[in-house]
Amino acid sequence: MKVRIILVIAILAIPLWVSAETTINRSFSKIALGMSIEALQAAYETKEIASSTLLPGERLFGVDGQFPDIERVWCSFYLGKLFRIEFSYSPQYSQQVPWESFVEFMKRRYGEGWSFESTQGEVVMWNDGQTSFVLERKTTPKSSSVYVVSLVDDSLYDARQESCPAKKYKV
């Protein structure tokens, strides 16, 4: 959990690496940042996920088993608007597609981005001033690595962070 918080803080603290002409795609299939819970449920079968780490006004939904090569999709909502989409590729996909190829496709689209190592694996990030886009190669006990992609609406994320109780997350 601490690593995720650090990653998100890093996303918001970094300068803009995507050029002004390039805009990060804010959707995955029919799931788009800023959409309502009702719109998500109209597009896909969802399951609400209970978690003790959710903040007041926050809800988490899973859209699983509905996309090829993707094991899990989590949609995080704050005050009824989608602020974060996270999708995890299957271990099989992650083993078949080299990390360098996976990242290179996005580098051609968005530029070099910002790369670093975390305690869970490698991370490459981009930000266009409205949206943060994060690629992670996480090492898991079940496989050598799994690829996780996140899209974050920066303004909704910032509004959510303002509601965080002091010292809720110790970093």
Protein backbone atom coordinates (compact mmCIF):
# COMPACT_ATOMS: atom_id res chain seq x y z
CA MET A 1 0.00 0.00 0.00
CA LYS A 2 2.84 2.38 0.86
CA VAL A 3 4.39 1.88 -2.57
CA ARG A 4 1.10 2.78 -4.29
CA ILE A 5 0.80 5.95 -2.26
CA ILE A 6 4.40 6.89 -3.03
CA LEU A 7 3.80 6.22 -6.74
CA VAL A 8 0.71 8.39 -6.81
CA ILE A 9 2.47 11.17 -4.92
CA ALA A 10 5.36 10.90 -7.40
CA ILE A 11 2.91 11.14 -10.30
CA LEU A 12 1.55 14.40 -8.96
CA ALA A 13 4.96 15.81 -8.09
CA ILE A 14 6.67 15.18 -11.42
CA PRO A 15 6.83 17.73 -14.21
CA LEU A 16 4.95 17.13 -17.42
CA TRP A 17 6.81 14.65 -19.61
CA VAL A 18 4.24 14.40 -22.34
CA SER A 19 4.48 17.23 -24.83
CA ALA A 20 1.73 19.85 -24.91
CA GLU A 21 0.49 18.46 -28.25
CA THR A 22 0.08 14.93 -26.88
CA THR A 23 -2.91 14.04 -24.76
CA ILE A 24 -3.07 10.81 -22.81
CA ASN A 25 -6.00 8.61 -23.77
CA ARG A 26 -8.44 8.81 -20.83
CA SER A 27 -10.28 5.57 -21.48
CA PHE A 28 -9.93 1.83 -21.65
CA SER A 29 -12.54 0.19 -23.89
CA LYS A 30 -15.89 1.68 -22.74
CA ILE A 31 -14.46 2.76 -19.36
CA ALA A 32 -13.55 6.46 -19.26
CA LEU A 33 -12.17 8.66 -16.50
CA GLY A 34 -14.85 10.95 -15.12
CA MET A 35 -17.73 8.61 -15.97
CA SER A 36 -20.45 7.81 -13.41
CA ILE A 37 -20.94 4.51 -11.58
CA GLU A 38 -24.23 4.08 -13.44
CA ALA A 39 -22.52 4.47 -16.81
CA LEU A 40 -19.94 1.83 -15.87
CA GLN A 41 -22.65 -0.56 -14.71
CA ALA A 42 -24.61 0.01 -17.92
CA ALA A 43 -21.53 -0.91 -19.98
CA TYR A 44 -20.19 -3.89 -17.96
CA GLU A 45 -21.08 -6.39 -15.31
CA THR A 46 -19.42 -5.08 -12.16
CA LYS A 47 -18.80 -6.19 -8.60
CA GLU A 48 -18.41 -3.65 -5.80
CA ILE A 49 -15.33 -4.32 -3.70
CA ALA A 50 -15.37 -3.54 0.00
CA SER A 51 -12.12 -2.27 1.46
CA SER A 52 -11.13 -0.71 4.76
CA THR A 53 -8.73 1.61 2.89
CA LEU A 54 -11.47 3.46 1.00
CA LEU A 55 -11.98 7.09 1.96
CA PRO A 56 -15.41 8.63 2.62
CA GLY A 57 -17.08 9.21 -0.77
CA GLU A 58 -14.93 6.57 -2.45
CA ARG A 59 -16.16 3.31 -4.04
CA LEU A 60 -14.29 0.53 -5.82
CA PHE A 61 -15.70 -1.73 -8.56
CA GLY A 62 -14.22 -4.73 -10.35
CA VAL A 63 -14.82 -5.55 -14.00
CA ASP A 64 -13.27 -8.99 -14.31
CA GLY A 65 -13.05 -11.62 -17.02
CA GLN A 66 -14.41 -9.38 -19.75
CA PHE A 67 -11.21 -8.50 -21.66
CA PRO A 68 -8.73 -10.79 -23.42
CA ASP A 69 -5.31 -11.04 -21.71
CA ILE A 70 -6.52 -8.89 -18.81
CA GLU A 71 -7.11 -10.64 -15.53
CA ARG A 72 -8.62 -7.81 -13.53
CA VAL A 73 -9.90 -4.24 -13.92
CA TRP A 74 -10.49 -2.04 -10.88
CA CYS A 75 -12.42 1.21 -11.19
CA SER A 76 -12.08 3.70 -8.32
CA PHE A 77 -14.76 6.35 -7.90
CA TYR A 78 -14.75 9.49 -5.79
CA LEU A 79 -18.07 11.28 -5.25
CA GLY A 80 -19.60 9.20 -8.05
CA LYS A 81 -16.94 9.95 -10.71
CA LEU A 82 -14.30 7.55 -11.98
CA PHE A 83 -10.87 8.85 -10.99
CA ARG A 84 -8.71 5.77 -11.48
CA ILE A 85 -8.72 2.75 -13.80
CA GLU A 86 -6.26 -0.04 -13.05
CA PHE A 87 -6.00 -3.11 -15.22
CA SER A 88 -3.74 -6.08 -14.62
CA TYR A 89 -2.60 -8.27 -17.46
CA SER A 90 -2.61 -12.03 -16.95
CA PRO A 91 0.64 -13.73 -15.92
CA GLN A 92 0.56 -15.59 -19.26
CA TYR A 93 0.42 -12.35 -21.24
CA SER A 94 3.14 -10.79 -19.11
CA GLN A 95 5.38 -13.80 -19.73
CA GLN A 96 4.74 -13.82 -23.50
CA VAL A 97 5.27 -10.10 -24.15
CA PRO A 98 8.69 -8.73 -23.17
CA TRP A 99 8.54 -5.72 -20.83
CA GLU A 100 10.68 -3.69 -23.22
CA SER A 101 8.16 -4.23 -26.05
CA PHE A 102 5.25 -3.42 -23.76
CA VAL A 103 6.85 -0.12 -22.70
CA GLU A 104 8.26 0.76 -26.14
CA PHE A 105 4.76 0.95 -27.64
CA MET A 106 3.81 3.63 -25.11
CA LYS A 107 7.12 5.47 -25.49
CA ARG A 108 6.43 5.81 -29.23
CA ARG A 109 3.06 7.31 -28.40
CA TYR A 110 3.87 9.49 -25.37
CA GLY A 111 7.66 9.95 -25.31
CA GLU A 112 10.24 8.71 -22.84
CA GLY A 113 8.29 9.31 -19.65
CA TRP A 114 9.87 8.84 -16.27
CA SER A 115 11.26 5.41 -15.27
CA PHE A 116 12.31 4.13 -11.86
CA GLU A 117 12.50 0.98 -9.75
CA SER A 118 10.08 0.39 -6.87
CA THR A 119 10.12 -2.30 -4.20
CA GLN A 120 7.60 -4.24 -6.32
CA GLY A 121 9.28 -3.83 -9.70
CA GLU A 122 9.77 -1.37 -12.56
CA VAL A 123 7.62 1.69 -13.23
CA VAL A 124 7.26 4.05 -16.22
CA MET A 125 5.00 7.11 -15.93
CA TRP A 126 3.63 9.93 -18.09
CA ASN A 127 1.49 12.96 -17.29
CA ASP A 128 -0.13 15.50 -19.62
CA GLY A 129 -1.44 17.91 -16.98
CA GLN A 130 -4.87 16.24 -16.77
CA THR A 131 -4.09 12.53 -16.74
CA SER A 132 -1.40 10.34 -15.26
CA PHE A 133 -0.55 7.10 -17.05
CA VAL A 134 1.49 4.46 -15.20
CA LEU A 135 2.96 1.16 -16.41
CA GLU A 136 4.24 -1.22 -13.74
CA ARG A 137 5.99 -4.55 -13.96
CA LYS A 138 5.26 -6.15 -10.60
CA THR A 139 7.01 -9.23 -9.34
CA THR A 140 4.60 -11.70 -7.75
CA PRO A 141 5.02 -15.03 -5.97
CA LYS A 142 2.93 -16.77 -8.68
CA SER A 143 4.98 -15.62 -11.68
CA SER A 144 8.12 -13.73 -12.57
CA SER A 145 6.15 -10.54 -13.31
CA VAL A 146 2.72 -9.11 -14.06
CA TYR A 147 2.04 -5.89 -15.98
CA VAL A 148 -0.32 -3.37 -14.38
CA VAL A 149 -1.55 -0.21 -16.13
CA SER A 150 -3.23 2.73 -14.37
CA LEU A 151 -4.98 5.82 -15.69
CA VAL A 152 -5.66 8.58 -13.15
CA ASP A 153 -7.73 11.76 -13.50
CA ASP A 154 -5.45 14.27 -11.78
CA SER A 155 -8.14 16.78 -10.72
CA LEU A 156 -10.43 14.12 -9.23
CA TYR A 157 -7.44 12.51 -7.54
CA ASP A 158 -6.42 15.88 -6.06
CA ALA A 159 -9.97 16.46 -4.77
CA ARG A 160 -9.92 13.00 -3.19
CA GLN A 161 -6.54 13.67 -1.54
CA GLU A 162 -7.88 16.85 0.06
CA SER A 163 -10.40 14.69 1.95
CA CYS A 164 -7.69 12.41 3.40
CA PRO A 165 -7.63 12.51 7.19
CA ALA A 166 -4.29 13.74 8.51
CA LYS A 167 -1.83 10.90 9.02
CA LYS A 168 -4.16 8.28 7.49
CA TYR A 169 -1.26 7.09 5.36
CA LYS A 170 2.19 7.17 6.86
CA VAL A 171 4.76 7.46 4.12
